[in-house]
Amino acid sequence: MFVGLGFLIEYCVGPYVSYTTLAVISACAALAFAVPFFLMPESPHYLIAKTRRKEAVEALRWLRGNVPPHAVEREISSIEATSKKPTGHLGGCLELVTRRGPCRALLLCLYLMFCQQLSGINAIISFSQPIFLAAHMSLSSSISPMLVGAVNCISSCFTPPLVRRFGIKNTLIGSGVGMGLCNILLSVYFYLLNSNQNVDSISVLPVICLMAYNIFFCLGIGPLPWTVAAEMFPVHLKGLANSVIGAFAWLLAFGVMRSYNSAVLALGSFGIFLLYGLLLIVGMVGTFFMLPDTRGLSLQDIQDLMDGRKSQELSSVDNFGYF
């Protein structure tokens, strides 16, 4: 939600101030987050890993609020059990790429990040104003991104209830397919426009497509690959694995944004949006077959599943899609 709020601030303020002023405003927003965050307690998982159990209990009690002490103690015991590095495991990069479970989890998460970034989201958000200009919108090219940003911010609130109702896998796939269809519709609009067809009757289509595109992104393919990455790895590999996944995602984001203008010149607006749309839909087909359904599973159950171990708890869960 706050990522969406950040984009909305940029869209609303950016057209009317200098780059320097915009940077200062953005820095103030970051400081407004950082200063009160110092009042937050440390993660109980981190404190347990550092053998600071008493502090971990206090932090967890603060985070959970009004819960009985025995519930806090039970959760602390569970954190201690999952925080222990399994005997016989190497740890570090070698375990991440050689052990079955972590290696499969890493490949799956990298695939999801590939789908996320090749959707063109960062390029479309960054170049939304030129996109509206190229679409010959009657609505101001400064106002249109503000509408998209507002929708982006509001729609982020609906992801948690959707995941609780449909699960991560179904929500993510629905999100990706929706984004793909929006891109394809936008490519059709640009095809008609570049073919000198009269598009006055559908002149509002770019705004509708980009608003719907952002809604679908915020509902699934934006946050959920990071959620998958957070639950797929044992505690002693989480930091390393998520660093690799994050670096991969942002390198892809840089590549997509850096190549956007060249791709538009080579393929046209029609071609680039069609490419983004097809990549998304094909990517979601792969996600359907590769991503397990983890509803009702604990973190340990998920790691057992990725390692190929089946427990009594897993036997009743539909794991279709596990590769």
C-alpha atoms as a PDB file:
ATOM      1  CA  MET A   1       0.000   0.000   0.000  1.00  0.00           C
ATOM      2  CA  PHE A   2       2.758   2.438   0.922  1.00  0.00           C
ATOM      3  CA  VAL A   3       4.606   1.698  -2.328  1.00  0.00           C
ATOM      4  CA  GLY A   4       1.419   2.703  -4.130  1.00  0.00           C
ATOM      5  CA  LEU A   5       1.182   5.801  -1.960  1.00  0.00           C
ATOM      6  CA  GLY A   6       4.731   6.713  -2.954  1.00  0.00           C
ATOM      7  CA  PHE A   7       3.897   6.452  -6.643  1.00  0.00           C
ATOM      8  CA  LEU A   8       0.789   8.558  -6.092  1.00  0.00           C
ATOM      9  CA  ILE A   9       2.846  11.325  -4.453  1.00  0.00           C
ATOM     10  CA  GLU A  10       5.285  11.298  -7.381  1.00  0.00           C
ATOM     11  CA  TYR A  11       2.455  11.473  -9.905  1.00  0.00           C
ATOM     12  CA  CYS A  12       0.667  14.297  -8.097  1.00  0.00           C
ATOM     13  CA  VAL A  13       3.716  16.438  -7.341  1.00  0.00           C
ATOM     14  CA  GLY A  14       6.160  15.552 -10.115  1.00  0.00           C
ATOM     15  CA  PRO A  15       4.550  17.445 -13.025  1.00  0.00           C
ATOM     16  CA  TYR A  16       4.563  20.727 -11.102  1.00  0.00           C
ATOM     17  CA  VAL A  17       7.985  20.918  -9.401  1.00  0.00           C
ATOM     18  CA  SER A  18      11.645  20.591 -10.343  1.00  0.00           C
ATOM     19  CA  TYR A  19      13.578  17.318 -10.027  1.00  0.00           C
ATOM     20  CA  THR A  20      15.418  18.718  -6.998  1.00  0.00           C
ATOM     21  CA  THR A  21      12.209  19.636  -5.184  1.00  0.00           C
ATOM     22  CA  LEU A  22      10.704  16.246  -6.004  1.00  0.00           C
ATOM     23  CA  ALA A  23      13.802  14.483  -4.624  1.00  0.00           C
ATOM     24  CA  VAL A  24      13.572  16.496  -1.384  1.00  0.00           C
ATOM     25  CA  ILE A  25       9.874  15.636  -0.988  1.00  0.00           C
ATOM     26  CA  SER A  26      10.630  11.957  -1.605  1.00  0.00           C
ATOM     27  CA  ALA A  27      13.435  12.060   0.980  1.00  0.00           C
ATOM     28  CA  CYS A  28      11.066  13.595   3.535  1.00  0.00           C
ATOM     29  CA  ALA A  29       8.619  10.740   2.991  1.00  0.00           C
ATOM     30  CA  ALA A  30      11.415   8.214   3.576  1.00  0.00           C
ATOM     31  CA  LEU A  31      12.457  10.007   6.776  1.00  0.00           C
ATOM     32  CA  ALA A  32       8.847  10.022   7.974  1.00  0.00           C
ATOM     33  CA  PHE A  33       9.006   6.231   7.786  1.00  0.00           C
ATOM     34  CA  ALA A  34      12.528   5.770   9.180  1.00  0.00           C
ATOM     35  CA  VAL A  35      12.240   7.886  12.326  1.00  0.00           C
ATOM     36  CA  PRO A  36       9.251   6.117  13.979  1.00  0.00           C
ATOM     37  CA  PHE A  37      10.574   2.745  12.795  1.00  0.00           C
ATOM     38  CA  PHE A  38      13.378   3.045  15.355  1.00  0.00           C
ATOM     39  CA  LEU A  39      10.660   2.519  17.989  1.00  0.00           C
ATOM     40  CA  MET A  40       9.815  -0.908  16.574  1.00  0.00           C
ATOM     41  CA  PRO A  41      11.200  -3.961  18.392  1.00  0.00           C
ATOM     42  CA  GLU A  42      13.720  -6.233  16.707  1.00  0.00           C
ATOM     43  CA  SER A  43      12.482  -9.355  14.907  1.00  0.00           C
ATOM     44  CA  PRO A  44      11.988 -12.311  17.306  1.00  0.00           C
ATOM     45  CA  HIS A  45      13.534 -14.603  14.678  1.00  0.00           C
ATOM     46  CA  TYR A  46      16.674 -12.451  14.613  1.00  0.00           C
ATOM     47  CA  LEU A  47      16.864 -12.311  18.416  1.00  0.00           C
ATOM     48  CA  ILE A  48      16.475 -16.088  18.720  1.00  0.00           C
ATOM     49  CA  ALA A  49      19.211 -16.586  16.114  1.00  0.00           C
ATOM     50  CA  LYS A  50      21.451 -14.355  18.267  1.00  0.00           C
ATOM     51  CA  THR A  51      20.518 -16.361  21.428  1.00  0.00           C
ATOM     52  CA  ARG A  52      18.756 -13.364  22.983  1.00  0.00           C
ATOM     53  CA  ARG A  53      15.673 -15.294  24.107  1.00  0.00           C
ATOM     54  CA  LYS A  54      14.413 -12.920  26.782  1.00  0.00           C
ATOM     55  CA  GLU A  55      14.421  -9.989  24.337  1.00  0.00           C
ATOM     56  CA  ALA A  56      12.711 -12.204  21.748  1.00  0.00           C
ATOM     57  CA  VAL A  57       9.892 -12.984  24.189  1.00  0.00           C
ATOM     58  CA  GLU A  58       9.411  -9.283  24.957  1.00  0.00           C
ATOM     59  CA  ALA A  59       9.439  -8.351  21.259  1.00  0.00           C
ATOM     60  CA  LEU A  60       6.927 -11.061  20.370  1.00  0.00           C
ATOM     61  CA  ARG A  61       4.643 -10.043  23.257  1.00  0.00           C
ATOM     62  CA  TRP A  62       4.708  -6.450  21.952  1.00  0.00           C
ATOM     63  CA  LEU A  63       3.992  -7.559  18.373  1.00  0.00           C
ATOM     64  CA  ARG A  64       1.167  -9.946  19.287  1.00  0.00           C
ATOM     65  CA  GLY A  65      -0.533  -7.557  21.687  1.00  0.00           C
ATOM     66  CA  ASN A  66      -3.032  -8.933  24.183  1.00  0.00           C
ATOM     67  CA  VAL A  67      -2.322 -12.682  24.014  1.00  0.00           C
ATOM     68  CA  PRO A  68      -1.795 -15.149  26.894  1.00  0.00           C
ATOM     69  CA  PRO A  69       1.833 -15.727  27.994  1.00  0.00           C
ATOM     70  CA  HIS A  70       1.606 -19.444  27.154  1.00  0.00           C
ATOM     71  CA  ALA A  71       0.749 -18.565  23.526  1.00  0.00           C
ATOM     72  CA  VAL A  72       3.843 -16.357  23.289  1.00  0.00           C
ATOM     73  CA  GLU A  73       5.973 -19.102  24.831  1.00  0.00           C
ATOM     74  CA  ARG A  74       4.611 -21.685  22.418  1.00  0.00           C
ATOM     75  CA  GLU A  75       5.411 -19.474  19.436  1.00  0.00           C
ATOM     76  CA  ILE A  76       8.903 -18.750  20.765  1.00  0.00           C
ATOM     77  CA  SER A  77       9.512 -22.498  21.049  1.00  0.00           C
ATOM     78  CA  SER A  78       8.367 -22.921  17.446  1.00  0.00           C
ATOM     79  CA  ILE A  79      10.725 -20.156  16.309  1.00  0.00           C
ATOM     80  CA  GLU A  80      13.595 -21.824  18.195  1.00  0.00           C
ATOM     81  CA  ALA A  81      12.850 -25.137  16.492  1.00  0.00           C
ATOM     82  CA  THR A  82      12.823 -23.652  12.994  1.00  0.00           C
ATOM     83  CA  SER A  83      15.835 -21.403  13.635  1.00  0.00           C
ATOM     84  CA  LYS A  84      18.206 -24.280  14.312  1.00  0.00           C
ATOM     85  CA  LYS A  85      20.461 -25.030  11.373  1.00  0.00           C
ATOM     86  CA  PRO A  86      19.856 -28.680  10.411  1.00  0.00           C
ATOM     87  CA  THR A  87      22.779 -30.961  11.081  1.00  0.00           C
ATOM     88  CA  GLY A  88      24.687 -32.116   8.036  1.00  0.00           C
ATOM     89  CA  HIS A  89      23.758 -29.050   5.953  1.00  0.00           C
ATOM     90  CA  LEU A  90      26.543 -26.931   4.541  1.00  0.00           C
ATOM     91  CA  GLY A  91      24.867 -23.522   4.710  1.00  0.00           C
ATOM     92  CA  GLY A  92      25.641 -20.551   2.492  1.00  0.00           C
ATOM     93  CA  CYS A  93      25.739 -20.448  -1.286  1.00  0.00           C
ATOM     94  CA  LEU A  94      26.742 -24.083  -1.658  1.00  0.00           C
ATOM     95  CA  GLU A  95      23.659 -25.375   0.148  1.00  0.00           C
ATOM     96  CA  LEU A  96      21.425 -22.924  -1.714  1.00  0.00           C
ATOM     97  CA  VAL A  97      22.422 -24.331  -5.106  1.00  0.00           C
ATOM     98  CA  THR A  98      23.075 -27.998  -4.279  1.00  0.00           C
ATOM     99  CA  ARG A  99      20.388 -29.020  -1.786  1.00  0.00           C
ATOM    100  CA  ARG A 100      17.145 -30.063  -3.453  1.00  0.00           C
ATOM    101  CA  GLY A 101      14.643 -27.942  -1.511  1.00  0.00           C
ATOM    102  CA  PRO A 102      16.443 -24.584  -1.430  1.00  0.00           C
ATOM    103  CA  CYS A 103      17.583 -24.947  -5.054  1.00  0.00           C
ATOM    104  CA  ARG A 104      14.035 -25.615  -6.264  1.00  0.00           C
ATOM    105  CA  ALA A 105      12.704 -22.773  -4.137  1.00  0.00           C
ATOM    106  CA  LEU A 106      15.342 -20.422  -5.561  1.00  0.00           C
ATOM    107  CA  LEU A 107      14.544 -21.360  -9.173  1.00  0.00           C
ATOM    108  CA  LEU A 108      10.816 -20.958  -8.526  1.00  0.00           C
ATOM    109  CA  CYS A 109      11.255 -17.522  -6.938  1.00  0.00           C
ATOM    110  CA  LEU A 110      13.567 -16.347  -9.732  1.00  0.00           C
ATOM    111  CA  TYR A 111      10.945 -17.494 -12.242  1.00  0.00           C
ATOM    112  CA  LEU A 112       8.224 -15.515 -10.449  1.00  0.00           C
ATOM    113  CA  MET A 113      10.442 -12.415 -10.400  1.00  0.00           C
ATOM    114  CA  PHE A 114      11.099 -12.896 -14.100  1.00  0.00           C
ATOM    115  CA  CYS A 115       7.340 -12.912 -14.731  1.00  0.00           C
ATOM    116  CA  GLN A 116       6.862  -9.881 -12.483  1.00  0.00           C
ATOM    117  CA  GLN A 117       9.492  -7.707 -14.147  1.00  0.00           C
ATOM    118  CA  LEU A 118       8.855  -8.867 -17.728  1.00  0.00           C
ATOM    119  CA  SER A 119       5.269  -7.702 -17.258  1.00  0.00           C
ATOM    120  CA  GLY A 120       6.770  -4.266 -17.933  1.00  0.00           C
ATOM    121  CA  ILE A 121       5.395  -2.834 -14.696  1.00  0.00           C
ATOM    122  CA  ASN A 122       8.318  -0.559 -13.855  1.00  0.00           C
ATOM    123  CA  ALA A 123       8.611   0.740 -17.416  1.00  0.00           C
ATOM    124  CA  ILE A 124       4.857   1.368 -17.643  1.00  0.00           C
ATOM    125  CA  ILE A 125       4.759   3.161 -14.289  1.00  0.00           C
ATOM    126  CA  SER A 126       7.852   5.237 -15.089  1.00  0.00           C
ATOM    127  CA  PHE A 127       6.741   6.138 -18.607  1.00  0.00           C
ATOM    128  CA  SER A 128       3.014   6.450 -17.955  1.00  0.00           C
ATOM    129  CA  GLN A 129       2.896  10.123 -18.965  1.00  0.00           C
ATOM    130  CA  PRO A 130       4.591   9.533 -22.375  1.00  0.00           C
ATOM    131  CA  ILE A 131       2.300   6.527 -22.887  1.00  0.00           C
ATOM    132  CA  PHE A 132      -0.779   8.704 -22.409  1.00  0.00           C
ATOM    133  CA  LEU A 133       0.694  11.324 -24.754  1.00  0.00           C
ATOM    134  CA  ALA A 134       1.333   8.684 -27.410  1.00  0.00           C
ATOM    135  CA  ALA A 135      -2.261   7.469 -27.008  1.00  0.00           C
ATOM    136  CA  HIS A 136      -3.592  10.959 -27.932  1.00  0.00           C
ATOM    137  CA  MET A 137      -5.703  11.076 -24.779  1.00  0.00           C
ATOM    138  CA  SER A 138      -8.182  13.916 -24.472  1.00  0.00           C
ATOM    139  CA  LEU A 139      -7.572  13.786 -20.725  1.00  0.00           C
ATOM    140  CA  SER A 140      -4.480  15.668 -19.545  1.00  0.00           C
ATOM    141  CA  SER A 141      -1.360  13.483 -19.607  1.00  0.00           C
ATOM    142  CA  SER A 142      -0.555  14.807 -16.122  1.00  0.00           C
ATOM    143  CA  ILE A 143      -3.982  13.942 -14.672  1.00  0.00           C
ATOM    144  CA  SER A 144      -4.174  10.410 -16.115  1.00  0.00           C
ATOM    145  CA  PRO A 145      -1.150   9.068 -14.171  1.00  0.00           C
ATOM    146  CA  MET A 146      -2.646  10.535 -10.985  1.00  0.00           C
ATOM    147  CA  LEU A 147      -5.773   8.455 -11.529  1.00  0.00           C
ATOM    148  CA  VAL A 148      -3.646   5.362 -12.110  1.00  0.00           C
ATOM    149  CA  GLY A 149      -1.617   6.102  -8.981  1.00  0.00           C
ATOM    150  CA  ALA A 150      -4.740   6.556  -6.848  1.00  0.00           C
ATOM    151  CA  VAL A 151      -6.164   3.246  -8.047  1.00  0.00           C
ATOM    152  CA  ASN A 152      -2.773   1.617  -7.426  1.00  0.00           C
ATOM    153  CA  CYS A 153      -2.735   2.843  -3.830  1.00  0.00           C
ATOM    154  CA  ILE A 154      -6.326   1.860  -2.994  1.00  0.00           C
ATOM    155  CA  SER A 155      -6.277  -1.582  -4.628  1.00  0.00           C
ATOM    156  CA  SER A 156      -3.293  -2.664  -2.488  1.00  0.00           C
ATOM    157  CA  CYS A 157      -5.652  -2.890   0.500  1.00  0.00           C
ATOM    158  CA  PHE A 158      -7.540  -5.831  -1.019  1.00  0.00           C
ATOM    159  CA  THR A 159      -4.632  -8.276  -1.434  1.00  0.00           C
ATOM    160  CA  PRO A 160      -4.751  -9.847   2.083  1.00  0.00           C
ATOM    161  CA  PRO A 161      -8.465 -10.794   1.976  1.00  0.00           C
ATOM    162  CA  LEU A 162      -8.060 -12.186  -1.542  1.00  0.00           C
ATOM    163  CA  VAL A 163      -5.121 -14.353  -0.474  1.00  0.00           C
ATOM    164  CA  ARG A 164      -7.046 -15.608   2.562  1.00  0.00           C
ATOM    165  CA  ARG A 165      -9.981 -16.529   0.327  1.00  0.00           C
ATOM    166  CA  PHE A 166      -8.237 -17.960  -2.752  1.00  0.00           C
ATOM    167  CA  GLY A 167      -4.650 -18.652  -1.681  1.00  0.00           C
ATOM    168  CA  ILE A 168      -1.391 -17.246  -3.047  1.00  0.00           C
ATOM    169  CA  LYS A 169      -1.271 -19.436  -6.154  1.00  0.00           C
ATOM    170  CA  ASN A 170      -4.758 -18.657  -7.490  1.00  0.00           C
ATOM    171  CA  THR A 171      -4.514 -14.949  -6.654  1.00  0.00           C
ATOM    172  CA  LEU A 172      -1.137 -14.638  -8.345  1.00  0.00           C
ATOM    173  CA  ILE A 173      -2.259 -16.430 -11.515  1.00  0.00           C
ATOM    174  CA  GLY A 174      -5.471 -14.389 -11.756  1.00  0.00           C
ATOM    175  CA  SER A 175      -3.458 -11.222 -11.312  1.00  0.00           C
ATOM    176  CA  GLY A 176      -0.964 -12.125 -14.037  1.00  0.00           C
ATOM    177  CA  VAL A 177      -3.625 -13.148 -16.551  1.00  0.00           C
ATOM    178  CA  GLY A 178      -5.547  -9.919 -15.872  1.00  0.00           C
ATOM    179  CA  MET A 179      -2.411  -7.828 -16.439  1.00  0.00           C
ATOM    180  CA  GLY A 180      -1.646  -9.725 -19.627  1.00  0.00           C
ATOM    181  CA  LEU A 181      -5.118  -9.097 -21.045  1.00  0.00           C
ATOM    182  CA  CYS A 182      -4.857  -5.387 -20.198  1.00  0.00           C
ATOM    183  CA  ASN A 183      -1.556  -5.182 -22.090  1.00  0.00           C
ATOM    184  CA  ILE A 184      -3.045  -6.970 -25.085  1.00  0.00           C
ATOM    185  CA  LEU A 185      -6.055  -4.618 -25.149  1.00  0.00           C
ATOM    186  CA  LEU A 186      -3.689  -1.650 -24.985  1.00  0.00           C
ATOM    187  CA  SER A 187      -1.670  -3.066 -27.879  1.00  0.00           C
ATOM    188  CA  VAL A 188      -4.882  -3.371 -29.913  1.00  0.00           C
ATOM    189  CA  TYR A 189      -5.633   0.302 -29.222  1.00  0.00           C
ATOM    190  CA  PHE A 190      -2.178   1.365 -30.415  1.00  0.00           C
ATOM    191  CA  TYR A 191      -2.502  -0.885 -33.486  1.00  0.00           C
ATOM    192  CA  LEU A 192      -5.764   0.830 -34.453  1.00  0.00           C
ATOM    193  CA  LEU A 193      -4.277   4.257 -33.715  1.00  0.00           C
ATOM    194  CA  ASN A 194      -1.167   3.610 -35.816  1.00  0.00           C
ATOM    195  CA  SER A 195      -3.342   2.232 -38.627  1.00  0.00           C
ATOM    196  CA  ASN A 196      -5.105   5.614 -38.844  1.00  0.00           C
ATOM    197  CA  GLN A 197      -8.354   4.108 -37.607  1.00  0.00           C
ATOM    198  CA  ASN A 198     -10.843   6.353 -35.810  1.00  0.00           C
ATOM    199  CA  VAL A 199     -10.426   5.605 -32.111  1.00  0.00           C
ATOM    200  CA  ASP A 200     -12.533   8.454 -30.734  1.00  0.00           C
ATOM    201  CA  SER A 201     -15.183   6.039 -29.491  1.00  0.00           C
ATOM    202  CA  ILE A 202     -12.604   4.133 -27.409  1.00  0.00           C
ATOM    203  CA  SER A 203     -10.333   7.046 -26.503  1.00  0.00           C
ATOM    204  CA  VAL A 204     -10.741   6.258 -22.804  1.00  0.00           C
ATOM    205  CA  LEU A 205      -9.436   2.689 -23.281  1.00  0.00           C
ATOM    206  CA  PRO A 206      -5.765   3.465 -22.380  1.00  0.00           C
ATOM    207  CA  VAL A 207      -6.790   4.921 -19.010  1.00  0.00           C
ATOM    208  CA  ILE A 208      -9.099   1.981 -18.278  1.00  0.00           C
ATOM    209  CA  CYS A 209      -6.436  -0.554 -19.316  1.00  0.00           C
ATOM    210  CA  LEU A 210      -3.655   1.041 -17.289  1.00  0.00           C
ATOM    211  CA  MET A 211      -5.882   1.454 -14.232  1.00  0.00           C
ATOM    212  CA  ALA A 212      -6.991  -2.183 -14.452  1.00  0.00           C
ATOM    213  CA  TYR A 213      -3.376  -3.227 -15.113  1.00  0.00           C
ATOM    214  CA  ASN A 214      -2.253  -1.525 -11.901  1.00  0.00           C
ATOM    215  CA  ILE A 215      -5.143  -3.005  -9.933  1.00  0.00           C
ATOM    216  CA  PHE A 216      -4.221  -6.528 -11.040  1.00  0.00           C
ATOM    217  CA  PHE A 217      -0.548  -5.839 -10.277  1.00  0.00           C
ATOM    218  CA  CYS A 218      -1.269  -4.662  -6.739  1.00  0.00           C
ATOM    219  CA  LEU A 219      -3.629  -7.559  -6.081  1.00  0.00           C
ATOM    220  CA  GLY A 220      -1.139 -10.296  -6.864  1.00  0.00           C
ATOM    221  CA  ILE A 221       1.927 -10.260  -9.037  1.00  0.00           C
ATOM    222  CA  GLY A 222       3.359  -7.195  -7.294  1.00  0.00           C
ATOM    223  CA  PRO A 223       3.507  -8.354  -3.646  1.00  0.00           C
ATOM    224  CA  LEU A 224       3.009 -12.128  -3.826  1.00  0.00           C
ATOM    225  CA  PRO A 225       6.340 -13.230  -5.408  1.00  0.00           C
ATOM    226  CA  TRP A 226       8.010 -11.604  -2.400  1.00  0.00           C
ATOM    227  CA  THR A 227       5.622 -13.472  -0.097  1.00  0.00           C
ATOM    228  CA  VAL A 228       6.526 -16.760  -1.790  1.00  0.00           C
ATOM    229  CA  ALA A 229      10.219 -15.950  -1.378  1.00  0.00           C
ATOM    230  CA  ALA A 230       9.686 -15.299   2.342  1.00  0.00           C
ATOM    231  CA  GLU A 231       8.137 -18.696   3.040  1.00  0.00           C
ATOM    232  CA  MET A 232      10.113 -21.079   0.825  1.00  0.00           C
ATOM    233  CA  PHE A 233      13.506 -21.119   2.574  1.00  0.00           C
ATOM    234  CA  PRO A 234      14.765 -22.344   5.951  1.00  0.00           C
ATOM    235  CA  VAL A 235      15.679 -19.581   8.373  1.00  0.00           C
ATOM    236  CA  HIS A 236      19.450 -19.956   7.988  1.00  0.00           C
ATOM    237  CA  LEU A 237      19.161 -19.428   4.200  1.00  0.00           C
ATOM    238  CA  LYS A 238      16.474 -16.728   4.066  1.00  0.00           C
ATOM    239  CA  GLY A 239      18.848 -13.753   4.091  1.00  0.00           C
ATOM    240  CA  LEU A 240      21.106 -15.093   1.356  1.00  0.00           C
ATOM    241  CA  ALA A 241      18.251 -16.386  -0.809  1.00  0.00           C
ATOM    242  CA  ASN A 242      16.246 -13.163  -0.620  1.00  0.00           C
ATOM    243  CA  SER A 243      19.359 -11.117  -1.402  1.00  0.00           C
ATOM    244  CA  VAL A 244      19.899 -13.139  -4.579  1.00  0.00           C
ATOM    245  CA  ILE A 245      16.206 -12.886  -5.520  1.00  0.00           C
ATOM    246  CA  GLY A 246      16.060  -9.143  -4.831  1.00  0.00           C
ATOM    247  CA  ALA A 247      19.225  -8.456  -6.825  1.00  0.00           C
ATOM    248  CA  PHE A 248      17.870 -10.516  -9.729  1.00  0.00           C
ATOM    249  CA  ALA A 249      14.506  -8.697  -9.656  1.00  0.00           C
ATOM    250  CA  TRP A 250      15.991  -5.200  -9.638  1.00  0.00           C
ATOM    251  CA  LEU A 251      18.583  -6.005 -12.294  1.00  0.00           C
ATOM    252  CA  LEU A 252      15.696  -7.162 -14.491  1.00  0.00           C
ATOM    253  CA  ALA A 253      13.747  -4.005 -13.599  1.00  0.00           C
ATOM    254  CA  PHE A 254      16.717  -1.869 -14.638  1.00  0.00           C
ATOM    255  CA  GLY A 255      17.051  -3.785 -17.909  1.00  0.00           C
ATOM    256  CA  VAL A 256      13.343  -3.452 -18.732  1.00  0.00           C
ATOM    257  CA  MET A 257      13.309   0.281 -17.988  1.00  0.00           C
ATOM    258  CA  ARG A 258      16.606   0.895 -19.783  1.00  0.00           C
ATOM    259  CA  SER A 259      15.429  -0.919 -22.912  1.00  0.00           C
ATOM    260  CA  TYR A 260      11.860   0.451 -22.998  1.00  0.00           C
ATOM    261  CA  ASN A 261      12.477   3.408 -25.345  1.00  0.00           C
ATOM    262  CA  SER A 262      14.614   1.284 -27.682  1.00  0.00           C
ATOM    263  CA  ALA A 263      11.953  -1.429 -27.688  1.00  0.00           C
ATOM    264  CA  VAL A 264       9.223   1.101 -28.537  1.00  0.00           C
ATOM    265  CA  LEU A 265      11.327   2.397 -31.445  1.00  0.00           C
ATOM    266  CA  ALA A 266      11.944  -1.149 -32.695  1.00  0.00           C
ATOM    267  CA  LEU A 267       8.519  -2.715 -32.093  1.00  0.00           C
ATOM    268  CA  GLY A 268       6.215   0.278 -31.725  1.00  0.00           C
ATOM    269  CA  SER A 269       3.826   0.771 -28.822  1.00  0.00           C
ATOM    270  CA  PHE A 270       1.629  -1.975 -30.283  1.00  0.00           C
ATOM    271  CA  GLY A 271       4.484  -4.482 -30.324  1.00  0.00           C
ATOM    272  CA  ILE A 272       5.895  -3.791 -26.865  1.00  0.00           C
ATOM    273  CA  PHE A 273       2.533  -4.061 -25.093  1.00  0.00           C
ATOM    274  CA  LEU A 274       1.665  -7.201 -27.021  1.00  0.00           C
ATOM    275  CA  LEU A 275       5.036  -8.676 -25.989  1.00  0.00           C
ATOM    276  CA  TYR A 276       4.475  -7.821 -22.315  1.00  0.00           C
ATOM    277  CA  GLY A 277       0.985  -9.304 -22.436  1.00  0.00           C
ATOM    278  CA  LEU A 278       2.003 -12.573 -24.076  1.00  0.00           C
ATOM    279  CA  LEU A 279       4.973 -13.013 -21.741  1.00  0.00           C
ATOM    280  CA  LEU A 280       2.653 -12.614 -18.753  1.00  0.00           C
ATOM    281  CA  ILE A 281       0.060 -15.109 -19.934  1.00  0.00           C
ATOM    282  CA  VAL A 282       2.691 -17.704 -20.874  1.00  0.00           C
ATOM    283  CA  GLY A 283       4.384 -17.049 -17.533  1.00  0.00           C
ATOM    284  CA  MET A 284       1.170 -17.718 -15.636  1.00  0.00           C
ATOM    285  CA  VAL A 285       0.753 -21.036 -17.438  1.00  0.00           C
ATOM    286  CA  GLY A 286       4.176 -21.994 -16.094  1.00  0.00           C
ATOM    287  CA  THR A 287       3.205 -20.735 -12.643  1.00  0.00           C
ATOM    288  CA  PHE A 288       0.120 -22.961 -12.676  1.00  0.00           C
ATOM    289  CA  PHE A 289       2.278 -26.056 -13.145  1.00  0.00           C
ATOM    290  CA  MET A 290       5.248 -25.090 -10.943  1.00  0.00           C
ATOM    291  CA  LEU A 291       3.930 -23.212  -7.910  1.00  0.00           C
ATOM    292  CA  PRO A 292       2.569 -25.455  -5.124  1.00  0.00           C
ATOM    293  CA  ASP A 293      -0.586 -24.555  -3.269  1.00  0.00           C
ATOM    294  CA  THR A 294       0.596 -23.828   0.283  1.00  0.00           C
ATOM    295  CA  ARG A 295      -2.731 -23.020   1.915  1.00  0.00           C
ATOM    296  CA  GLY A 296      -2.931 -24.522   5.400  1.00  0.00           C
ATOM    297  CA  LEU A 297       0.780 -25.368   5.580  1.00  0.00           C
ATOM    298  CA  SER A 298       3.234 -24.134   8.181  1.00  0.00           C
ATOM    299  CA  LEU A 299       6.648 -22.801   7.142  1.00  0.00           C
ATOM    300  CA  GLN A 300       8.203 -26.149   8.069  1.00  0.00           C
ATOM    301  CA  ASP A 301       5.582 -28.010   5.994  1.00  0.00           C
ATOM    302  CA  ILE A 302       6.384 -25.823   2.980  1.00  0.00           C
ATOM    303  CA  GLN A 303      10.101 -26.524   3.306  1.00  0.00           C
ATOM    304  CA  ASP A 304       9.384 -30.253   3.645  1.00  0.00           C
ATOM    305  CA  LEU A 305       7.318 -30.021   0.491  1.00  0.00           C
ATOM    306  CA  MET A 306      10.125 -28.313  -1.424  1.00  0.00           C
ATOM    307  CA  ASP A 307      12.558 -30.969  -0.162  1.00  0.00           C
ATOM    308  CA  GLY A 308      10.229 -33.678  -1.460  1.00  0.00           C
ATOM    309  CA  ARG A 309       9.360 -35.006   2.010  1.00  0.00           C
ATOM    310  CA  LYS A 310       5.724 -35.888   2.651  1.00  0.00           C
ATOM    311  CA  SER A 311       4.366 -35.776   6.176  1.00  0.00           C
ATOM    312  CA  GLN A 312       0.897 -36.689   7.429  1.00  0.00           C
ATOM    313  CA  GLU A 313      -0.021 -32.993   7.323  1.00  0.00           C
ATOM    314  CA  LEU A 314       0.981 -32.742   3.672  1.00  0.00           C
ATOM    315  CA  SER A 315      -0.872 -35.858   2.545  1.00  0.00           C
ATOM    316  CA  SER A 316      -4.232 -34.065   2.714  1.00  0.00           C
ATOM    317  CA  VAL A 317      -3.063 -30.995   0.791  1.00  0.00           C
ATOM    318  CA  ASP A 318      -3.362 -30.651  -2.968  1.00  0.00           C
ATOM    319  CA  ASN A 319       0.188 -29.994  -4.098  1.00  0.00           C
ATOM    320  CA  PHE A 320      -0.557 -30.045  -7.792  1.00  0.00           C
ATOM    321  CA  GLY A 321       1.957 -27.869  -9.511  1.00  0.00           C
ATOM    322  CA  TYR A 322       4.990 -28.928  -7.500  1.00  0.00           C
ATOM    323  CA  PHE A 323       7.862 -29.424  -9.922  1.00  0.00           C
END
